[in-house]
Amino acid sequence: MTGGVHVAAERRYRARAWSGSPTRALTPPEVRSRPGGACATLPAGLGGTQRGPRYLVVDLVAAGPAGEQPPLRVHLYQLGAQQFRIAGLERPADDDPPGL
């Protein structure tokens, strides 16, 4: 398209999540498409620890007629049972797991 915007009906999304040190993959988050983007459900039962908040990394990957885009990588701190704070965003050049 001229404006570089893709038709929403042609977009598909998937997500991956990691936590811990060493890095371990978590059950992939469920992703639902919605107008203007996607919504990922974060893994359940992470729970904070006595040593402080948990660190979580979630990749959101969009795919369309031209193929997959590099992921949007969201770094999160889990502050409570259902409370997260975004610590950073990045656009890695590849689909490799993060190095926590």
Protein backbone atom coordinates (compact mmCIF):
# COMPACT_ATOMS: atom_id res chain seq x y z
CA MET A 1 0.00 0.00 0.00
CA THR A 2 1.13 3.54 -0.64
CA GLY A 3 0.99 4.68 2.99
CA GLY A 4 2.73 1.56 4.28
CA VAL A 5 -0.31 0.57 6.32
CA HIS A 6 -1.49 -3.01 6.04
CA VAL A 7 -5.10 -4.11 5.83
CA ALA A 8 -6.08 -5.40 9.30
CA ALA A 9 -7.83 -8.49 7.90
CA GLU A 10 -4.54 -9.56 6.29
CA ARG A 11 -2.52 -9.39 9.54
CA ARG A 12 -1.90 -12.30 11.89
CA TYR A 13 -0.13 -12.16 15.24
CA ARG A 14 1.73 -14.58 17.47
CA ALA A 15 3.58 -14.14 20.74
CA ARG A 16 6.38 -15.77 22.71
CA ALA A 17 7.44 -15.20 26.32
CA TRP A 18 10.55 -15.79 28.43
CA SER A 19 11.56 -15.39 32.04
CA GLY A 20 14.39 -16.22 34.40
CA SER A 21 18.10 -16.60 34.36
CA PRO A 22 19.05 -18.70 32.54
CA THR A 23 16.34 -17.74 30.07
CA ARG A 24 13.48 -20.22 29.80
CA ALA A 25 10.60 -20.17 27.36
CA LEU A 26 7.13 -19.90 28.85
CA THR A 27 3.84 -21.13 27.42
CA PRO A 28 3.17 -18.86 24.42
CA PRO A 29 0.70 -16.11 25.29
CA GLU A 30 -2.70 -16.19 23.62
CA VAL A 31 -3.02 -13.40 21.05
CA ARG A 32 -6.29 -11.88 19.89
CA SER A 33 -6.54 -9.54 16.94
CA ARG A 34 -8.55 -6.39 17.49
CA PRO A 35 -9.09 -3.20 15.52
CA GLY A 36 -5.77 -1.40 15.28
CA GLY A 37 -3.56 -4.23 16.55
CA ALA A 38 -3.44 -7.20 18.85
CA CYS A 39 -3.76 -8.05 22.53
CA ALA A 40 -1.64 -10.74 24.22
CA THR A 41 -2.67 -12.44 27.46
CA LEU A 42 0.36 -12.69 29.71
CA PRO A 43 1.26 -16.10 31.18
CA ALA A 44 -0.68 -16.90 34.35
CA GLY A 45 0.81 -17.88 37.68
CA LEU A 46 4.16 -16.11 37.40
CA GLY A 47 3.99 -14.62 40.89
CA GLY A 48 6.56 -12.25 42.35
CA THR A 49 9.21 -13.64 44.68
CA GLN A 50 10.53 -12.62 48.08
CA ARG A 51 13.64 -11.35 46.29
CA GLY A 52 11.64 -8.86 44.24
CA PRO A 53 9.59 -8.58 41.05
CA ARG A 54 9.81 -11.07 38.21
CA TYR A 55 11.22 -9.99 34.87
CA LEU A 56 9.33 -11.07 31.76
CA VAL A 57 10.04 -10.60 28.06
CA VAL A 58 7.25 -10.91 25.47
CA ASP A 59 7.72 -10.85 21.70
CA LEU A 60 4.78 -9.86 19.52
CA VAL A 61 5.23 -10.86 15.87
CA ALA A 62 2.99 -9.60 13.05
CA ALA A 63 2.70 -11.40 9.72
CA GLY A 64 1.01 -10.30 6.53
CA PRO A 65 1.11 -11.05 2.80
CA ALA A 66 4.81 -10.05 2.66
CA GLY A 67 5.77 -12.39 5.55
CA GLU A 68 6.66 -11.88 9.20
CA GLN A 69 8.01 -8.64 10.59
CA PRO A 70 10.79 -8.56 13.21
CA PRO A 71 9.28 -8.86 16.70
CA LEU A 72 8.29 -6.05 18.99
CA ARG A 73 10.03 -7.08 22.21
CA VAL A 74 8.42 -5.83 25.42
CA HIS A 75 10.39 -6.03 28.69
CA LEU A 76 8.16 -6.13 31.78
CA TYR A 77 8.52 -6.19 35.56
CA GLN A 78 5.77 -8.07 37.38
CA LEU A 79 4.96 -6.03 40.48
CA GLY A 80 1.96 -8.02 41.71
CA ALA A 81 -0.41 -10.82 40.76
CA GLN A 82 -1.92 -8.85 37.86
CA GLN A 83 0.30 -5.77 37.82
CA PHE A 84 3.08 -5.24 35.28
CA ARG A 85 5.27 -2.27 34.42
CA ILE A 86 6.90 -1.85 31.01
CA ALA A 87 10.66 -1.56 31.50
CA GLY A 88 11.61 -1.25 27.85
CA LEU A 89 10.79 -1.85 24.19
CA GLU A 90 13.06 -2.98 21.39
CA ARG A 91 12.92 -4.11 17.78
CA PRO A 92 15.55 -6.85 17.43
CA ALA A 93 16.71 -7.53 13.87
CA ASP A 94 16.07 -11.27 14.20
CA ASP A 95 13.73 -13.74 15.86
CA ASP A 96 16.33 -15.14 18.30
CA PRO A 97 15.32 -15.48 21.99
CA PRO A 98 16.40 -12.62 24.24
CA GLY A 99 19.55 -12.84 26.32
CA LEU A 100 18.26 -12.04 29.76
